[in-house]
């Protein structure tokens, strides 16, 4: 399922125009993405987006087998809600 499928399903259930649903969904994703970079975002029934720091580490180049340094970086970790984990 992709964003277009979600828009189609919501449009069928609510009778709102697809353009309005697309705008709302895009804005919601934008707000969540920006907030998740700074703080934990909890969406009940869906899951939690939490900013985390990854430590620097040594990896291996799969093409050459030579070690390479992977620098430390920040990313967002998603943990699914309990009702989704049941699947």
PDB file of N, CA and C in Angstrom:
ATOM      1  N   UNK A   1       0.854  -1.176   0.000  1.00  0.00           N
ATOM      2  CA  UNK A   1       0.000   0.000   0.000  1.00  0.00           C
ATOM      3  C   UNK A   1       0.895   1.232   0.000  1.00  0.00           C
ATOM      4  N   UNK A   2       0.526   2.212  -0.792  1.00  0.00           N
ATOM      5  CA  UNK A   2       1.281   3.458  -0.838  1.00  0.00           C
ATOM      6  C   UNK A   2       0.362   4.639  -0.484  1.00  0.00           C
ATOM      7  N   UNK A   3       0.918   5.838  -0.570  1.00  0.00           N
ATOM      8  CA  UNK A   3       0.162   7.028  -0.188  1.00  0.00           C
ATOM      9  C   UNK A   3      -1.098   7.199  -1.034  1.00  0.00           C
ATOM     10  N   UNK A   4      -0.999   6.911  -2.315  1.00  0.00           N
ATOM     11  CA  UNK A   4      -2.163   7.022  -3.198  1.00  0.00           C
ATOM     12  C   UNK A   4      -3.288   6.087  -2.794  1.00  0.00           C
ATOM     13  N   UNK A   5      -2.924   4.876  -2.374  1.00  0.00           N
ATOM     14  CA  UNK A   5      -3.934   3.920  -1.916  1.00  0.00           C
ATOM     15  C   UNK A   5      -4.632   4.423  -0.653  1.00  0.00           C
ATOM     16  N   UNK A   6      -3.861   5.017   0.241  1.00  0.00           N
ATOM     17  CA  UNK A   6      -4.436   5.560   1.477  1.00  0.00           C
ATOM     18  C   UNK A   6      -5.403   6.696   1.139  1.00  0.00           C
ATOM     19  N   UNK A   7      -4.995   7.568   0.238  1.00  0.00           N
ATOM     20  CA  UNK A   7      -5.859   8.677  -0.175  1.00  0.00           C
ATOM     21  C   UNK A   7      -7.159   8.135  -0.775  1.00  0.00           C
ATOM     22  N   UNK A   8      -7.064   7.126  -1.620  1.00  0.00           N
ATOM     23  CA  UNK A   8      -8.264   6.532  -2.224  1.00  0.00           C
ATOM     24  C   UNK A   8      -9.209   5.960  -1.167  1.00  0.00           C
ATOM     25  N   UNK A   9      -8.661   5.224  -0.207  1.00  0.00           N
ATOM     26  CA  UNK A   9      -9.499   4.621   0.834  1.00  0.00           C
ATOM     27  C   UNK A   9     -10.183   5.671   1.705  1.00  0.00           C
ATOM     28  N   UNK A  10      -9.426   6.699   2.092  1.00  0.00           N
ATOM     29  CA  UNK A  10     -10.007   7.757   2.924  1.00  0.00           C
ATOM     30  C   UNK A  10     -11.069   8.528   2.130  1.00  0.00           C
ATOM     31  N   UNK A  11     -10.834   8.755   0.863  1.00  0.00           N
ATOM     32  CA  UNK A  11     -11.813   9.464   0.026  1.00  0.00           C
ATOM     33  C   UNK A  11     -13.116   8.683  -0.082  1.00  0.00           C
ATOM     34  N   UNK A  12     -13.016   7.370  -0.215  1.00  0.00           N
ATOM     35  CA  UNK A  12     -14.227   6.543  -0.295  1.00  0.00           C
ATOM     36  C   UNK A  12     -15.013   6.561   1.012  1.00  0.00           C
ATOM     37  N   UNK A  13     -14.288   6.542   2.140  1.00  0.00           N
ATOM     38  CA  UNK A  13     -14.962   6.500   3.445  1.00  0.00           C
ATOM     39  C   UNK A  13     -15.549   7.842   3.852  1.00  0.00           C
ATOM     40  N   UNK A  14     -14.937   8.938   3.425  1.00  0.00           N
ATOM     41  CA  UNK A  14     -15.353  10.252   3.922  1.00  0.00           C
ATOM     42  C   UNK A  14     -16.063  11.124   2.901  1.00  0.00           C
ATOM     43  N   UNK A  15     -16.024  10.784   1.645  1.00  0.00           N
ATOM     44  CA  UNK A  15     -16.601  11.594   0.567  1.00  0.00           C
ATOM     45  C   UNK A  15     -15.938  12.956   0.418  1.00  0.00           C
ATOM     46  N   UNK A  16     -14.714  13.109   0.919  1.00  0.00           N
ATOM     47  CA  UNK A  16     -13.943  14.331   0.691  1.00  0.00           C
ATOM     48  C   UNK A  16     -13.194  14.175  -0.623  1.00  0.00           C
ATOM     49  N   UNK A  17     -12.869  15.279  -1.278  1.00  0.00           N
ATOM     50  CA  UNK A  17     -12.118  15.184  -2.535  1.00  0.00           C
ATOM     51  C   UNK A  17     -10.686  14.683  -2.293  1.00  0.00           C
ATOM     52  N   UNK A  18     -10.189  13.941  -3.254  1.00  0.00           N
ATOM     53  CA  UNK A  18      -8.839  13.370  -3.121  1.00  0.00           C
ATOM     54  C   UNK A  18      -7.771  14.443  -2.990  1.00  0.00           C
ATOM     55  N   UNK A  19      -7.966  15.582  -3.635  1.00  0.00           N
ATOM     56  CA  UNK A  19      -6.970  16.647  -3.556  1.00  0.00           C
ATOM     57  C   UNK A  19      -6.844  17.177  -2.129  1.00  0.00           C
ATOM     58  N   UNK A  20      -7.974  17.325  -1.449  1.00  0.00           N
ATOM     59  CA  UNK A  20      -7.949  17.815  -0.064  1.00  0.00           C
ATOM     60  C   UNK A  20      -7.289  16.792   0.854  1.00  0.00           C
ATOM     61  N   UNK A  21      -7.602  15.528   0.662  1.00  0.00           N
ATOM     62  CA  UNK A  21      -7.016  14.474   1.497  1.00  0.00           C
ATOM     63  C   UNK A  21      -5.518  14.392   1.257  1.00  0.00           C
ATOM     64  N   UNK A  22      -5.097  14.518   0.006  1.00  0.00           N
ATOM     65  CA  UNK A  22      -3.674  14.478  -0.321  1.00  0.00           C
ATOM     66  C   UNK A  22      -2.930  15.620   0.362  1.00  0.00           C
ATOM     67  N   UNK A  23      -3.491  16.828   0.318  1.00  0.00           N
ATOM     68  CA  UNK A  23      -2.871  17.983   0.968  1.00  0.00           C
ATOM     69  C   UNK A  23      -2.753  17.766   2.469  1.00  0.00           C
ATOM     70  N   UNK A  24      -3.810  17.284   3.088  1.00  0.00           N
ATOM     71  CA  UNK A  24      -3.811  17.048   4.530  1.00  0.00           C
ATOM     72  C   UNK A  24      -2.794  15.974   4.893  1.00  0.00           C
ATOM     73  N   UNK A  25      -2.763  14.882   4.142  1.00  0.00           N
ATOM     74  CA  UNK A  25      -1.822  13.795   4.419  1.00  0.00           C
ATOM     75  C   UNK A  25      -0.380  14.263   4.255  1.00  0.00           C
ATOM     76  N   UNK A  26      -0.097  14.999   3.190  1.00  0.00           N
ATOM     77  CA  UNK A  26       1.258  15.520   2.979  1.00  0.00           C
ATOM     78  C   UNK A  26       1.679  16.457   4.105  1.00  0.00           C
ATOM     79  N   UNK A  27       0.764  17.316   4.537  1.00  0.00           N
ATOM     80  CA  UNK A  27       1.081  18.244   5.624  1.00  0.00           C
ATOM     81  C   UNK A  27       1.302  17.499   6.939  1.00  0.00           C
ATOM     82  N   UNK A  28       0.479  16.481   7.199  1.00  0.00           N
ATOM     83  CA  UNK A  28       0.637  15.690   8.422  1.00  0.00           C
ATOM     84  C   UNK A  28       1.992  14.971   8.424  1.00  0.00           C
ATOM     85  N   UNK A  29       2.372  14.401   7.303  1.00  0.00           N
ATOM     86  CA  UNK A  29       3.664  13.718   7.204  1.00  0.00           C
ATOM     87  C   UNK A  29       4.800  14.712   7.422  1.00  0.00           C
ATOM     88  N   UNK A  30       4.671  15.912   6.848  1.00  0.00           N
ATOM     89  CA  UNK A  30       5.676  16.959   7.027  1.00  0.00           C
ATOM     90  C   UNK A  30       5.835  17.340   8.494  1.00  0.00           C
ATOM     91  N   UNK A  31       4.715  17.560   9.166  1.00  0.00           N
ATOM     92  CA  UNK A  31       4.740  17.955  10.580  1.00  0.00           C
ATOM     93  C   UNK A  31       5.367  16.854  11.431  1.00  0.00           C
ATOM     94  N   UNK A  32       4.984  15.612  11.186  1.00  0.00           N
ATOM     95  CA  UNK A  32       5.526  14.485  11.948  1.00  0.00           C
ATOM     96  C   UNK A  32       7.028  14.357  11.713  1.00  0.00           C
ATOM     97  N   UNK A  33       7.456  14.468  10.452  1.00  0.00           N
ATOM     98  CA  UNK A  33       8.874  14.329  10.123  1.00  0.00           C
ATOM     99  C   UNK A  33       9.718  15.415  10.796  1.00  0.00           C
ATOM    100  N   UNK A  34       9.239  16.642  10.761  1.00  0.00           N
ATOM    101  CA  UNK A  34       9.986  17.740  11.385  1.00  0.00           C
ATOM    102  C   UNK A  34      10.035  17.592  12.898  1.00  0.00           C
ATOM    103  N   UNK A  35       8.923  17.214  13.502  1.00  0.00           N
ATOM    104  CA  UNK A  35       8.879  17.059  14.958  1.00  0.00           C
ATOM    105  C   UNK A  35       9.721  15.877  15.415  1.00  0.00           C
ATOM    106  N   UNK A  36       9.735  14.799  14.645  1.00  0.00           N
ATOM    107  CA  UNK A  36      10.456  13.588  15.040  1.00  0.00           C
ATOM    108  C   UNK A  36      11.965  13.793  15.039  1.00  0.00           C
ATOM    109  N   UNK A  37      12.451  14.792  14.348  1.00  0.00           N
ATOM    110  CA  UNK A  37      13.884  15.089  14.355  1.00  0.00           C
ATOM    111  C   UNK A  37      14.332  15.652  15.696  1.00  0.00           C
ATOM    112  N   UNK A  38      13.395  16.273  16.425  1.00  0.00           N
ATOM    113  CA  UNK A  38      13.736  16.959  17.673  1.00  0.00           C
ATOM    114  C   UNK A  38      13.202  16.272  18.916  1.00  0.00           C
ATOM    115  N   UNK A  39      12.043  15.635  18.797  1.00  0.00           N
ATOM    116  CA  UNK A  39      11.394  15.058  19.972  1.00  0.00           C
ATOM    117  C   UNK A  39      10.627  13.792  19.597  1.00  0.00           C
ATOM    118  N   UNK A  40      10.225  13.042  20.609  1.00  0.00           N
ATOM    119  CA  UNK A  40       9.464  11.824  20.393  1.00  0.00           C
ATOM    120  C   UNK A  40       8.042  12.173  19.977  1.00  0.00           C
ATOM    121  N   UNK A  41       7.562  11.505  18.924  1.00  0.00           N
ATOM    122  CA  UNK A  41       6.198  11.701  18.437  1.00  0.00           C
ATOM    123  C   UNK A  41       5.450  10.389  18.624  1.00  0.00           C
ATOM    124  N   UNK A  42       4.366  10.426  19.399  1.00  0.00           N
ATOM    125  CA  UNK A  42       3.574   9.233  19.679  1.00  0.00           C
ATOM    126  C   UNK A  42       2.227   9.361  18.978  1.00  0.00           C
ATOM    127  N   UNK A  43       1.928   8.419  18.109  1.00  0.00           N
ATOM    128  CA  UNK A  43       0.635   8.369  17.441  1.00  0.00           C
ATOM    129  C   UNK A  43      -0.070   7.115  17.939  1.00  0.00           C
ATOM    130  N   UNK A  44      -1.030   7.300  18.828  1.00  0.00           N
ATOM    131  CA  UNK A  44      -1.728   6.163  19.415  1.00  0.00           C
ATOM    132  C   UNK A  44      -2.364   5.322  18.319  1.00  0.00           C
ATOM    133  N   UNK A  45      -2.159   4.023  18.415  1.00  0.00           N
ATOM    134  CA  UNK A  45      -2.704   3.103  17.430  1.00  0.00           C
ATOM    135  C   UNK A  45      -1.787   2.872  16.243  1.00  0.00           C
ATOM    136  N   UNK A  46      -0.765   3.708  16.071  1.00  0.00           N
ATOM    137  CA  UNK A  46       0.178   3.543  14.965  1.00  0.00           C
ATOM    138  C   UNK A  46       1.568   3.211  15.482  1.00  0.00           C
ATOM    139  N   UNK A  47       2.134   4.100  16.292  1.00  0.00           N
ATOM    140  CA  UNK A  47       3.464   3.841  16.825  1.00  0.00           C
ATOM    141  C   UNK A  47       4.147   5.094  17.317  1.00  0.00           C
ATOM    142  N   UNK A  48       5.457   4.967  17.559  1.00  0.00           N
ATOM    143  CA  UNK A  48       6.251   6.047  18.114  1.00  0.00           C
ATOM    144  C   UNK A  48       7.463   6.310  17.221  1.00  0.00           C
ATOM    145  N   UNK A  49       7.690   7.581  16.917  1.00  0.00           N
ATOM    146  CA  UNK A  49       8.874   8.016  16.189  1.00  0.00           C
ATOM    147  C   UNK A  49       9.791   8.682  17.211  1.00  0.00           C
ATOM    148  N   UNK A  50      11.022   8.190  17.336  1.00  0.00           N
ATOM    149  CA  UNK A  50      11.930   8.700  18.356  1.00  0.00           C
ATOM    150  C   UNK A  50      13.284   9.032  17.732  1.00  0.00           C
ATOM    151  N   UNK A  51      13.798  10.249  17.970  1.00  0.00           N
ATOM    152  CA  UNK A  51      15.127  10.575  17.448  1.00  0.00           C
ATOM    153  C   UNK A  51      16.195   9.819  18.241  1.00  0.00           C
ATOM    154  N   UNK A  52      17.159   9.254  17.540  1.00  0.00           N
ATOM    155  CA  UNK A  52      18.249   8.511  18.191  1.00  0.00           C
ATOM    156  C   UNK A  52      19.582   8.905  17.560  1.00  0.00           C
ATOM    157  N   UNK A  53      20.647   8.731  18.333  1.00  0.00           N
ATOM    158  CA  UNK A  53      22.004   8.973  17.850  1.00  0.00           C
ATOM    159  C   UNK A  53      22.658   7.623  17.592  1.00  0.00           C
ATOM    160  N   UNK A  54      23.225   7.451  16.423  1.00  0.00           N
ATOM    161  CA  UNK A  54      23.968   6.239  16.092  1.00  0.00           C
ATOM    162  C   UNK A  54      25.449   6.540  16.268  1.00  0.00           C
ATOM    163  N   UNK A  55      26.163   5.647  16.928  1.00  0.00           N
ATOM    164  CA  UNK A  55      27.587   5.832  17.163  1.00  0.00           C
ATOM    165  C   UNK A  55      28.375   5.574  15.882  1.00  0.00           C
ATOM    166  N   UNK A  56      29.561   6.153  15.823  1.00  0.00           N
ATOM    167  CA  UNK A  56      30.470   5.870  14.718  1.00  0.00           C
ATOM    168  C   UNK A  56      30.898   4.408  14.821  1.00  0.00           C
ATOM    169  N   UNK A  57      31.110   3.785  13.674  1.00  0.00           N
ATOM    170  CA  UNK A  57      31.495   2.379  13.686  1.00  0.00           C
ATOM    171  C   UNK A  57      32.299   2.063  12.436  1.00  0.00           C
ATOM    172  N   UNK A  58      32.852   0.869  12.414  1.00  0.00           N
ATOM    173  CA  UNK A  58      33.599   0.403  11.261  1.00  0.00           C
ATOM    174  C   UNK A  58      32.744  -0.590  10.498  1.00  0.00           C
ATOM    175  N   UNK A  59      32.622  -0.385   9.199  1.00  0.00           N
ATOM    176  CA  UNK A  59      31.868  -1.284   8.344  1.00  0.00           C
ATOM    177  C   UNK A  59      32.789  -1.919   7.319  1.00  0.00           C
ATOM    178  N   UNK A  60      32.218  -2.702   6.421  1.00  0.00           N
ATOM    179  CA  UNK A  60      33.001  -3.363   5.387  1.00  0.00           C
ATOM    180  C   UNK A  60      32.389  -3.034   4.027  1.00  0.00           C
ATOM    181  N   UNK A  61      33.226  -2.599   3.107  1.00  0.00           N
ATOM    182  CA  UNK A  61      32.783  -2.348   1.750  1.00  0.00           C
ATOM    183  C   UNK A  61      32.503  -3.701   1.105  1.00  0.00           C
ATOM    184  N   UNK A  62      31.257  -3.992   0.710  1.00  0.00           N
ATOM    185  CA  UNK A  62      30.936  -5.317   0.179  1.00  0.00           C
ATOM    186  C   UNK A  62      31.624  -5.620  -1.158  1.00  0.00           C
ATOM    187  N   UNK A  63      31.967  -4.599  -1.908  1.00  0.00           N
ATOM    188  CA  UNK A  63      32.603  -4.822  -3.205  1.00  0.00           C
ATOM    189  C   UNK A  63      34.077  -5.191  -3.069  1.00  0.00           C
ATOM    190  N   UNK A  64      34.764  -4.533  -2.111  1.00  0.00           N
ATOM    191  CA  UNK A  64      36.205  -4.758  -1.984  1.00  0.00           C
ATOM    192  C   UNK A  64      36.582  -5.554  -0.746  1.00  0.00           C
ATOM    193  N   UNK A  65      35.694  -5.577   0.242  1.00  0.00           N
ATOM    194  CA  UNK A  65      36.000  -6.266   1.494  1.00  0.00           C
ATOM    195  C   UNK A  65      36.854  -5.430   2.429  1.00  0.00           C
ATOM    196  N   UNK A  66      37.184  -4.199   2.039  1.00  0.00           N
ATOM    197  CA  UNK A  66      38.016  -3.331   2.872  1.00  0.00           C
ATOM    198  C   UNK A  66      37.162  -2.650   3.942  1.00  0.00           C
ATOM    199  N   UNK A  67      37.749  -2.457   5.124  1.00  0.00           N
ATOM    200  CA  UNK A  67      37.003  -1.754   6.181  1.00  0.00           C
ATOM    201  C   UNK A  67      36.881  -0.266   5.852  1.00  0.00           C
ATOM    202  N   UNK A  68      35.783   0.321   6.319  1.00  0.00           N
ATOM    203  CA  UNK A  68      35.596   1.753   6.159  1.00  0.00           C
ATOM    204  C   UNK A  68      34.912   2.297   7.392  1.00  0.00           C
ATOM    205  N   UNK A  69      35.167   3.571   7.664  1.00  0.00           N
ATOM    206  CA  UNK A  69      34.586   4.205   8.842  1.00  0.00           C
ATOM    207  C   UNK A  69      33.226   4.801   8.488  1.00  0.00           C
ATOM    208  N   UNK A  70      32.245   4.482   9.317  1.00  0.00           N
ATOM    209  CA  UNK A  70      30.913   5.062   9.175  1.00  0.00           C
ATOM    210  C   UNK A  70      30.778   6.081  10.302  1.00  0.00           C
ATOM    211  N   UNK A  71      30.596   7.360   9.973  1.00  0.00           N
ATOM    212  CA  UNK A  71      30.545   8.382  11.017  1.00  0.00           C
ATOM    213  C   UNK A  71      29.267   8.307  11.857  1.00  0.00           C
ATOM    214  N   UNK A  72      29.304   8.930  13.024  1.00  0.00           N
ATOM    215  CA  UNK A  72      28.124   9.016  13.880  1.00  0.00           C
ATOM    216  C   UNK A  72      27.078   9.889  13.183  1.00  0.00           C
ATOM    217  N   UNK A  73      25.806   9.581  13.410  1.00  0.00           N
ATOM    218  CA  UNK A  73      24.740  10.367  12.809  1.00  0.00           C
ATOM    219  C   UNK A  73      23.467  10.239  13.628  1.00  0.00           C
ATOM    220  N   UNK A  74      22.541  11.149  13.359  1.00  0.00           N
ATOM    221  CA  UNK A  74      21.231  11.125  14.013  1.00  0.00           C
ATOM    222  C   UNK A  74      20.212  10.596  13.024  1.00  0.00           C
ATOM    223  N   UNK A  75      19.254   9.825  13.523  1.00  0.00           N
ATOM    224  CA  UNK A  75      18.197   9.293  12.686  1.00  0.00           C
ATOM    225  C   UNK A  75      16.926   9.168  13.511  1.00  0.00           C
ATOM    226  N   UNK A  76      15.868   8.664  12.918  1.00  0.00           N
ATOM    227  CA  UNK A  76      14.606   8.481  13.615  1.00  0.00           C
ATOM    228  C   UNK A  76      14.283   6.994  13.650  1.00  0.00           C
ATOM    229  N   UNK A  77      13.923   6.509  14.838  1.00  0.00           N
ATOM    230  CA  UNK A  77      13.558   5.107  15.023  1.00  0.00           C
ATOM    231  C   UNK A  77      12.039   5.019  15.169  1.00  0.00           C
ATOM    232  N   UNK A  78      11.435   4.069  14.471  1.00  0.00           N
ATOM    233  CA  UNK A  78       9.988   3.868  14.571  1.00  0.00           C
ATOM    234  C   UNK A  78       9.726   2.565  15.304  1.00  0.00           C
ATOM    235  N   UNK A  79       8.840   2.622  16.302  1.00  0.00           N
ATOM    236  CA  UNK A  79       8.400   1.436  17.019  1.00  0.00           C
ATOM    237  C   UNK A  79       6.888   1.330  16.837  1.00  0.00           C
ATOM    238  N   UNK A  80       6.439   0.205  16.302  1.00  0.00           N
ATOM    239  CA  UNK A  80       5.011   0.014  16.040  1.00  0.00           C
ATOM    240  C   UNK A  80       4.233  -0.131  17.341  1.00  0.00           C
ATOM    241  N   UNK A  81       2.982   0.310  17.324  1.00  0.00           N
ATOM    242  CA  UNK A  81       2.091   0.175  18.478  1.00  0.00           C
ATOM    243  C   UNK A  81       1.746  -1.297  18.687  1.00  0.00           C
ATOM    244  N   UNK A  82       1.292  -1.616  19.874  1.00  0.00           N
ATOM    245  CA  UNK A  82       1.005  -3.017  20.242  1.00  0.00           C
ATOM    246  C   UNK A  82      -0.030  -3.646  19.324  1.00  0.00           C
ATOM    247  N   UNK A  83      -1.057  -2.901  18.930  1.00  0.00           N
ATOM    248  CA  UNK A  83      -2.089  -3.485  18.075  1.00  0.00           C
ATOM    249  C   UNK A  83      -1.575  -3.807  16.674  1.00  0.00           C
ATOM    250  N   UNK A  84      -0.532  -3.136  16.230  1.00  0.00           N
ATOM    251  CA  UNK A  84       0.073  -3.427  14.932  1.00  0.00           C
ATOM    252  C   UNK A  84       1.055  -4.593  15.063  1.00  0.00           C
ATOM    253  N   UNK A  85       1.738  -4.688  16.181  1.00  0.00           N
ATOM    254  CA  UNK A  85       2.704  -5.778  16.389  1.00  0.00           C
ATOM    255  C   UNK A  85       2.047  -7.145  16.432  1.00  0.00           C
ATOM    256  N   UNK A  86       0.765  -7.206  16.714  1.00  0.00           N
ATOM    257  CA  UNK A  86       0.062  -8.490  16.817  1.00  0.00           C
ATOM    258  C   UNK A  86       0.056  -9.251  15.506  1.00  0.00           C
ATOM    259  N   UNK A  87       0.196  -8.545  14.391  1.00  0.00           N
ATOM    260  CA  UNK A  87       0.163  -9.208  13.096  1.00  0.00           C
ATOM    261  C   UNK A  87       1.423  -9.969  12.940  1.00  0.00           C
TER     262      UNK A  87
END
